[in-house]
PDB file of N, CA and C in Angstrom:
ATOM      1  N   MET A   1     -30.455  12.608  96.979  1.00  0.00           N
ATOM      2  CA  MET A   1     -31.147  13.835  97.486  1.00  0.00           C
ATOM      3  C   MET A   1     -31.294  14.464  98.511  1.00  0.00           C
ATOM      4  N   TRP A   2     -31.196  13.857  99.707  1.00  0.00           N
ATOM      5  CA  TRP A   2     -31.171  14.584 100.848  1.00  0.00           C
ATOM      6  C   TRP A   2     -29.861  15.292 101.191  1.00  0.00           C
ATOM      7  N   TRP A   3     -28.541  14.626 101.059  1.00  0.00           N
ATOM      8  CA  TRP A   3     -27.125  14.763 101.319  1.00  0.00           C
ATOM      9  C   TRP A   3     -27.027  16.352 100.703  1.00  0.00           C
ATOM     10  N   GLY A   4     -27.334  16.429  99.281  1.00  0.00           N
ATOM     11  CA  GLY A   4     -27.321  17.563  98.549  1.00  0.00           C
ATOM     12  C   GLY A   4     -28.207  18.736  99.146  1.00  0.00           C
ATOM     13  N   GLY A   5     -29.533  18.672  99.757  1.00  0.00           N
ATOM     14  CA  GLY A   5     -30.051  19.532 100.564  1.00  0.00           C
ATOM     15  C   GLY A   5     -29.066  19.574 101.606  1.00  0.00           C
ATOM     16  N   HIS A   6     -29.253  19.041 102.608  1.00  0.00           N
ATOM     17  CA  HIS A   6     -27.740  19.588 103.391  1.00  0.00           C
ATOM     18  C   HIS A   6     -26.766  20.598 103.368  1.00  0.00           C
ATOM     19  N   TRP A   7     -26.345  20.106 102.170  1.00  0.00           N
ATOM     20  CA  TRP A   7     -24.607  20.678 101.569  1.00  0.00           C
ATOM     21  C   TRP A   7     -25.157  22.044 101.298  1.00  0.00           C
ATOM     22  N   GLY A   8     -26.186  22.168 100.959  1.00  0.00           N
ATOM     23  CA  GLY A   8     -26.602  23.591 100.246  1.00  0.00           C
ATOM     24  C   GLY A   8     -27.388  24.400 101.271  1.00  0.00           C
ATOM     25  N   TRP A   9     -27.622  23.522 102.441  1.00  0.00           N
ATOM     26  CA  TRP A   9     -27.943  24.746 103.966  1.00  0.00           C
ATOM     27  C   TRP A   9     -26.888  25.118 104.361  1.00  0.00           C
ATOM     28  N   MET A  10     -26.149  23.779 104.783  1.00  0.00           N
ATOM     29  CA  MET A  10     -24.487  24.373 105.416  1.00  0.00           C
ATOM     30  C   MET A  10     -23.948  25.615 104.551  1.00  0.00           C
ATOM     31  N   SER A  11     -23.609  25.355 103.182  1.00  0.00           N
ATOM     32  CA  SER A  11     -22.708  25.987 102.562  1.00  0.00           C
ATOM     33  C   SER A  11     -23.712  27.678 102.721  1.00  0.00           C
ATOM     34  N   GLY A  12     -24.935  27.865 102.651  1.00  0.00           N
ATOM     35  CA  GLY A  12     -25.616  29.366 102.329  1.00  0.00           C
ATOM     36  C   GLY A  12     -25.546  29.481 104.094  1.00  0.00           C
ATOM     37  N   GLY A  13     -25.573  28.584 104.918  1.00  0.00           N
ATOM     38  CA  GLY A  13     -25.134  29.113 106.602  1.00  0.00           C
ATOM     39  C   GLY A  13     -23.629  29.973 106.977  1.00  0.00           C
ATOM     40  N   PHE A  14     -22.750  28.944 106.233  1.00  0.00           N
ATOM     41  CA  PHE A  14     -21.348  29.511 106.243  1.00  0.00           C
ATOM     42  C   PHE A  14     -21.256  30.933 105.168  1.00  0.00           C
ATOM     43  N   MET A  15     -22.272  31.065 104.144  1.00  0.00           N
ATOM     44  CA  MET A  15     -21.937  32.407 103.819  1.00  0.00           C
ATOM     45  C   MET A  15     -22.449  33.681 104.788  1.00  0.00           C
ATOM     46  N   ILE A  16     -23.169  33.100 105.302  1.00  0.00           N
ATOM     47  CA  ILE A  16     -24.314  34.301 106.385  1.00  0.00           C
ATOM     48  C   ILE A  16     -23.087  34.544 107.606  1.00  0.00           C
ATOM     49  N   LEU A  17     -22.468  33.595 107.864  1.00  0.00           N
ATOM     50  CA  LEU A  17     -21.315  33.610 109.088  1.00  0.00           C
ATOM     51  C   LEU A  17     -20.853  34.439 108.493  1.00  0.00           C
ATOM     52  N   PHE A  18     -19.984  34.079 106.817  1.00  0.00           N
ATOM     53  CA  PHE A  18     -18.677  35.192 106.301  1.00  0.00           C
ATOM     54  C   PHE A  18     -19.146  36.371 106.098  1.00  0.00           C
ATOM     55  N   TRP A  19     -20.177  36.592 105.870  1.00  0.00           N
ATOM     56  CA  TRP A  19     -20.793  38.078 106.051  1.00  0.00           C
ATOM     57  C   TRP A  19     -21.127  38.609 107.529  1.00  0.00           C
ATOM     58  N   ILE A  20     -21.290  38.428 108.419  1.00  0.00           N
ATOM     59  CA  ILE A  20     -21.242  38.802 109.616  1.00  0.00           C
ATOM     60  C   ILE A  20     -19.932  38.904 110.239  1.00  0.00           C
ATOM     61  N   ALA A  21     -19.419  38.067 109.689  1.00  0.00           N
ATOM     62  CA  ALA A  21     -17.741  38.534 110.474  1.00  0.00           C
ATOM     63  C   ALA A  21     -17.101  39.852 109.860  1.00  0.00           C
ATOM     64  N   ALA A  22     -17.310  39.608 108.590  1.00  0.00           N
ATOM     65  CA  ALA A  22     -16.822  40.488 107.468  1.00  0.00           C
ATOM     66  C   ALA A  22     -17.457  41.744 108.244  1.00  0.00           C
ATOM     67  N   ILE A  23     -18.617  42.008 108.174  1.00  0.00           N
ATOM     68  CA  ILE A  23     -19.324  43.509 108.665  1.00  0.00           C
ATOM     69  C   ILE A  23     -18.624  43.552 110.404  1.00  0.00           C
ATOM     70  N   ILE A  24     -18.546  42.566 110.938  1.00  0.00           N
ATOM     71  CA  ILE A  24     -17.983  42.961 112.693  1.00  0.00           C
ATOM     72  C   ILE A  24     -16.389  43.460 112.087  1.00  0.00           C
ATOM     73  N   ALA A  25     -15.690  42.565 111.412  1.00  0.00           N
ATOM     74  CA  ALA A  25     -14.342  43.124 110.979  1.00  0.00           C
ATOM     75  C   ALA A  25     -14.106  44.244 110.848  1.00  0.00           C
ATOM     76  N   PHE A  26     -15.128  45.245 109.651  1.00  0.00           N
ATOM     77  CA  PHE A  26     -14.963  46.215 109.633  1.00  0.00           C
ATOM     78  C   PHE A  26     -15.198  47.267 110.150  1.00  0.00           C
ATOM     79  N   VAL A  27     -16.536  47.104 111.328  1.00  0.00           N
ATOM     80  CA  VAL A  27     -16.742  47.823 112.112  1.00  0.00           C
ATOM     81  C   VAL A  27     -15.632  48.147 112.742  1.00  0.00           C
ATOM     82  N   PHE A  28     -14.476  46.971 113.638  1.00  0.00           N
ATOM     83  CA  PHE A  28     -13.438  47.143 114.244  1.00  0.00           C
ATOM     84  C   PHE A  28     -12.227  48.060 113.482  1.00  0.00           C
ATOM     85  N   PHE A  29     -12.209  47.544 112.229  1.00  0.00           N
ATOM     86  CA  PHE A  29     -11.043  48.207 111.445  1.00  0.00           C
ATOM     87  C   PHE A  29     -11.420  50.025 111.313  1.00  0.00           C
ATOM     88  N   ILE A  30     -12.761  50.177 111.422  1.00  0.00           N
ATOM     89  CA  ILE A  30     -13.637  52.170 111.267  1.00  0.00           C
ATOM     90  C   ILE A  30     -12.969  52.367 112.892  1.00  0.00           C
ATOM     91  N   ARG A  31     -13.124  51.732 113.461  1.00  0.00           N
ATOM     92  CA  ARG A  31     -13.075  51.912 114.926  1.00  0.00           C
ATOM     93  C   ARG A  31     -11.823  52.347 115.229  1.00  0.00           C
ATOM     94  N   TRP A  32     -10.410  51.470 115.190  1.00  0.00           N
ATOM     95  CA  TRP A  32      -9.147  51.439 114.960  1.00  0.00           C
ATOM     96  C   TRP A  32      -8.684  52.698 114.664  1.00  0.00           C
ATOM     97  N   LEU A  33      -9.304  53.040 113.199  1.00  0.00           N
ATOM     98  CA  LEU A  33      -9.055  54.093 112.339  1.00  0.00           C
ATOM     99  C   LEU A  33      -9.232  55.319 113.126  1.00  0.00           C
ATOM    100  N   ILE A  34     -10.034  56.011 113.746  1.00  0.00           N
ATOM    101  CA  ILE A  34     -11.024  56.564 114.438  1.00  0.00           C
ATOM    102  C   ILE A  34      -9.972  56.721 115.609  1.00  0.00           C
ATOM    103  N   GLN A  35      -9.779  55.587 116.203  1.00  0.00           N
ATOM    104  CA  GLN A  35      -8.921  56.144 117.644  1.00  0.00           C
ATOM    105  C   GLN A  35      -7.164  56.345 117.193  1.00  0.00           C
ATOM    106  N   GLN A  36      -6.795  55.811 115.726  1.00  0.00           N
ATOM    107  CA  GLN A  36      -5.275  56.376 115.778  1.00  0.00           C
ATOM    108  C   GLN A  36      -5.419  57.325 115.383  1.00  0.00           C
ATOM    109  N   GLY A  37      -6.680  58.539 115.189  1.00  0.00           N
ATOM    110  CA  GLY A  37      -7.041  59.812 114.571  1.00  0.00           C
ATOM    111  C   GLY A  37      -7.138  61.109 115.985  1.00  0.00           C
ATOM    112  N   GLY A  38      -6.641  59.803 117.146  1.00  0.00           N
ATOM    113  CA  GLY A  38      -7.270  61.137 118.367  1.00  0.00           C
ATOM    114  C   GLY A  38      -5.718  60.930 119.579  1.00  0.00           C
ATOM    115  N   ARG A  39      -5.014  60.128 118.748  1.00  0.00           N
ATOM    116  CA  ARG A  39      -3.625  59.602 119.636  1.00  0.00           C
ATOM    117  C   ARG A  39      -2.579  60.407 119.317  1.00  0.00           C
ATOM    118  N   PRO A  40      -1.819  61.497 119.754  1.00  0.00           N
ATOM    119  CA  PRO A  40      -0.517  61.883 119.432  1.00  0.00           C
ATOM    120  C   PRO A  40       0.219  60.698 118.388  1.00  0.00           C
ATOM    121  N   GLY A  41       0.793  61.566 117.319  1.00  0.00           N
ATOM    122  CA  GLY A  41       1.587  60.958 116.104  1.00  0.00           C
ATOM    123  C   GLY A  41       0.436  60.389 115.293  1.00  0.00           C
ATOM    124  N   GLY A  42      -0.986  60.225 115.534  1.00  0.00           N
ATOM    125  CA  GLY A  42      -1.646  59.746 114.858  1.00  0.00           C
ATOM    126  C   GLY A  42      -2.094  60.751 113.255  1.00  0.00           C
ATOM    127  N   ALA A  43      -3.628  60.687 112.845  1.00  0.00           N
ATOM    128  CA  ALA A  43      -3.524  61.545 111.769  1.00  0.00           C
ATOM    129  C   ALA A  43      -3.497  62.607 112.352  1.00  0.00           C
ATOM    130  N   GLY A  44      -3.892  63.947 111.376  1.00  0.00           N
ATOM    131  CA  GLY A  44      -3.759  65.557 111.871  1.00  0.00           C
ATOM    132  C   GLY A  44      -3.005  65.577 113.096  1.00  0.00           C
ATOM    133  N   HIS A  45      -2.011  64.874 113.843  1.00  0.00           N
ATOM    134  CA  HIS A  45      -0.707  65.436 115.055  1.00  0.00           C
ATOM    135  C   HIS A  45       0.282  65.367 114.690  1.00  0.00           C
ATOM    136  N   GLN A  46       1.122  66.094 115.236  1.00  0.00           N
ATOM    137  CA  GLN A  46       2.047  66.753 115.194  1.00  0.00           C
ATOM    138  C   GLN A  46       3.014  65.530 115.909  1.00  0.00           C
ATOM    139  N   GLN A  47       4.014  65.203 115.526  1.00  0.00           N
ATOM    140  CA  GLN A  47       5.154  64.496 116.977  1.00  0.00           C
ATOM    141  C   GLN A  47       5.351  65.452 117.628  1.00  0.00           C
ATOM    142  N   GLU A  48       5.917  64.738 118.540  1.00  0.00           N
ATOM    143  CA  GLU A  48       6.196  65.984 119.746  1.00  0.00           C
ATOM    144  C   GLU A  48       7.779  66.202 119.522  1.00  0.00           C
ATOM    145  N   THR A  49       8.227  67.199 119.821  1.00  0.00           N
ATOM    146  CA  THR A  49       9.645  67.383 119.658  1.00  0.00           C
ATOM    147  C   THR A  49      10.803  67.375 121.004  1.00  0.00           C
ATOM    148  N   ALA A  50      11.751  66.900 120.704  1.00  0.00           N
ATOM    149  CA  ALA A  50      13.042  66.771 121.950  1.00  0.00           C
ATOM    150  C   ALA A  50      12.497  67.613 123.141  1.00  0.00           C
ATOM    151  N   LEU A  51      12.452  69.020 122.550  1.00  0.00           N
ATOM    152  CA  LEU A  51      12.047  70.184 123.201  1.00  0.00           C
ATOM    153  C   LEU A  51      10.931  70.413 124.045  1.00  0.00           C
ATOM    154  N   ASP A  52      10.095  69.632 123.193  1.00  0.00           N
ATOM    155  CA  ASP A  52       8.633  69.514 123.604  1.00  0.00           C
ATOM    156  C   ASP A  52       8.489  68.476 125.282  1.00  0.00           C
ATOM    157  N   ILE A  53       9.398  67.683 125.066  1.00  0.00           N
ATOM    158  CA  ILE A  53       8.906  66.569 126.020  1.00  0.00           C
ATOM    159  C   ILE A  53       9.700  67.043 127.001  1.00  0.00           C
ATOM    160  N   LEU A  54      11.026  67.891 126.684  1.00  0.00           N
ATOM    161  CA  LEU A  54      11.716  68.514 127.898  1.00  0.00           C
ATOM    162  C   LEU A  54      11.632  69.798 128.730  1.00  0.00           C
ATOM    163  N   LYS A  55      10.350  69.936 127.803  1.00  0.00           N
ATOM    164  CA  LYS A  55       9.812  71.415 128.478  1.00  0.00           C
ATOM    165  C   LYS A  55       8.943  70.496 129.428  1.00  0.00           C
ATOM    166  N   ASN A  56       8.305  69.555 128.809  1.00  0.00           N
ATOM    167  CA  ASN A  56       6.886  68.912 129.856  1.00  0.00           C
ATOM    168  C   ASN A  56       7.781  68.450 131.428  1.00  0.00           C
ATOM    169  N   ARG A  57       8.611  67.624 131.025  1.00  0.00           N
ATOM    170  CA  ARG A  57       9.673  67.261 132.003  1.00  0.00           C
ATOM    171  C   ARG A  57       9.666  68.268 133.688  1.00  0.00           C
ATOM    172  N   TYR A  58      10.402  69.144 132.625  1.00  0.00           N
ATOM    173  CA  TYR A  58      10.350  70.529 133.759  1.00  0.00           C
ATOM    174  C   TYR A  58       9.395  70.788 134.155  1.00  0.00           C
ATOM    175  N   ALA A  59       8.084  71.017 133.387  1.00  0.00           N
ATOM    176  CA  ALA A  59       6.611  71.433 134.412  1.00  0.00           C
ATOM    177  C   ALA A  59       6.783  70.561 134.773  1.00  0.00           C
ATOM    178  N   ARG A  60       6.842  69.085 135.136  1.00  0.00           N
ATOM    179  CA  ARG A  60       5.930  67.992 136.409  1.00  0.00           C
ATOM    180  C   ARG A  60       7.244  68.442 137.357  1.00  0.00           C
ATOM    181  N   GLY A  61       8.374  68.657 136.936  1.00  0.00           N
ATOM    182  CA  GLY A  61       8.659  68.508 138.319  1.00  0.00           C
ATOM    183  C   GLY A  61       9.837  67.538 138.349  1.00  0.00           C
ATOM    184  N   GLU A  62      10.388  66.745 137.339  1.00  0.00           N
ATOM    185  CA  GLU A  62      10.939  65.942 136.839  1.00  0.00           C
ATOM    186  C   GLU A  62      12.710  66.035 136.931  1.00  0.00           C
ATOM    187  N   ILE A  63      13.006  67.483 136.404  1.00  0.00           N
ATOM    188  CA  ILE A  63      13.933  67.699 136.531  1.00  0.00           C
ATOM    189  C   ILE A  63      14.323  69.247 136.742  1.00  0.00           C
ATOM    190  N   ASP A  64      15.279  69.743 137.191  1.00  0.00           N
ATOM    191  CA  ASP A  64      15.508  70.663 137.881  1.00  0.00           C
ATOM    192  C   ASP A  64      15.955  71.960 136.817  1.00  0.00           C
ATOM    193  N   LYS A  65      16.159  73.065 137.255  1.00  0.00           N
ATOM    194  CA  LYS A  65      16.306  74.496 136.100  1.00  0.00           C
ATOM    195  C   LYS A  65      17.591  74.147 135.741  1.00  0.00           C
ATOM    196  N   ASN A  66      18.881  73.998 136.355  1.00  0.00           N
ATOM    197  CA  ASN A  66      19.930  73.589 135.642  1.00  0.00           C
ATOM    198  C   ASN A  66      20.202  72.174 135.078  1.00  0.00           C
ATOM    199  N   GLU A  67      19.366  70.999 134.953  1.00  0.00           N
ATOM    200  CA  GLU A  67      19.068  70.157 134.282  1.00  0.00           C
ATOM    201  C   GLU A  67      18.845  70.041 132.866  1.00  0.00           C
ATOM    202  N   PHE A  68      17.154  71.538 133.292  1.00  0.00           N
ATOM    203  CA  PHE A  68      16.795  71.854 132.194  1.00  0.00           C
ATOM    204  C   PHE A  68      17.481  71.958 131.116  1.00  0.00           C
ATOM    205  N   ASP A  69      18.338  73.717 131.608  1.00  0.00           N
ATOM    206  CA  ASP A  69      19.084  74.456 130.551  1.00  0.00           C
ATOM    207  C   ASP A  69      20.089  74.062 130.158  1.00  0.00           C
ATOM    208  N   GLN A  70      20.637  72.807 130.559  1.00  0.00           N
ATOM    209  CA  GLN A  70      22.270  72.045 130.307  1.00  0.00           C
ATOM    210  C   GLN A  70      21.366  70.970 128.978  1.00  0.00           C
ATOM    211  N   LYS A  71      20.296  70.228 129.636  1.00  0.00           N
ATOM    212  CA  LYS A  71      19.665  69.620 128.330  1.00  0.00           C
ATOM    213  C   LYS A  71      18.976  70.408 127.295  1.00  0.00           C
ATOM    214  N   LYS A  72      18.645  71.578 127.238  1.00  0.00           N
ATOM    215  CA  LYS A  72      18.329  72.297 126.217  1.00  0.00           C
ATOM    216  C   LYS A  72      19.433  72.902 125.461  1.00  0.00           C
ATOM    217  N   LYS A  73      20.413  73.547 126.096  1.00  0.00           N
ATOM    218  CA  LYS A  73      21.872  73.357 125.370  1.00  0.00           C
ATOM    219  C   LYS A  73      22.137  72.550 124.638  1.00  0.00           C
ATOM    220  N   ASP A  74      22.572  71.250 125.039  1.00  0.00           N
ATOM    221  CA  ASP A  74      22.555  70.268 124.523  1.00  0.00           C
ATOM    222  C   ASP A  74      21.781  69.744 122.926  1.00  0.00           C
ATOM    223  N   LEU A  75      20.507  69.937 123.040  1.00  0.00           N
ATOM    224  CA  LEU A  75      19.681  69.807 122.049  1.00  0.00           C
ATOM    225  C   LEU A  75      20.057  71.082 120.872  1.00  0.00           C
ATOM    226  N   GLY A  76      20.824  72.307 121.389  1.00  0.00           N
ATOM    227  CA  GLY A  76      20.751  73.266 120.272  1.00  0.00           C
ATOM    228  C   GLY A  76      19.903  74.292 120.609  1.00  0.00           C
ATOM    229  N   GLY A  77      18.731  74.252 121.693  1.00  0.00           N
ATOM    230  CA  GLY A  77      17.575  75.311 121.293  1.00  0.00           C
ATOM    231  C   GLY A  77      18.220  76.244 122.551  1.00  0.00           C
TER     232      GLY A  77
END
């Protein structure tokens, strides 16, 4: 009789731990989904085009005007 009561308590304890772990996993999953919506390429965002990247590089001074014009021509823009 004592063993039956012991295992009954253990299975109840594991069930509580299972539900706690499931809730925590669900919360982390929701947070991950929300963070994906805020990143470029995530939900609601368009992918940055090659021309956009080129313009950004030129604006940051990574490439000069001649290189910008040549690469823009290569892209067909």
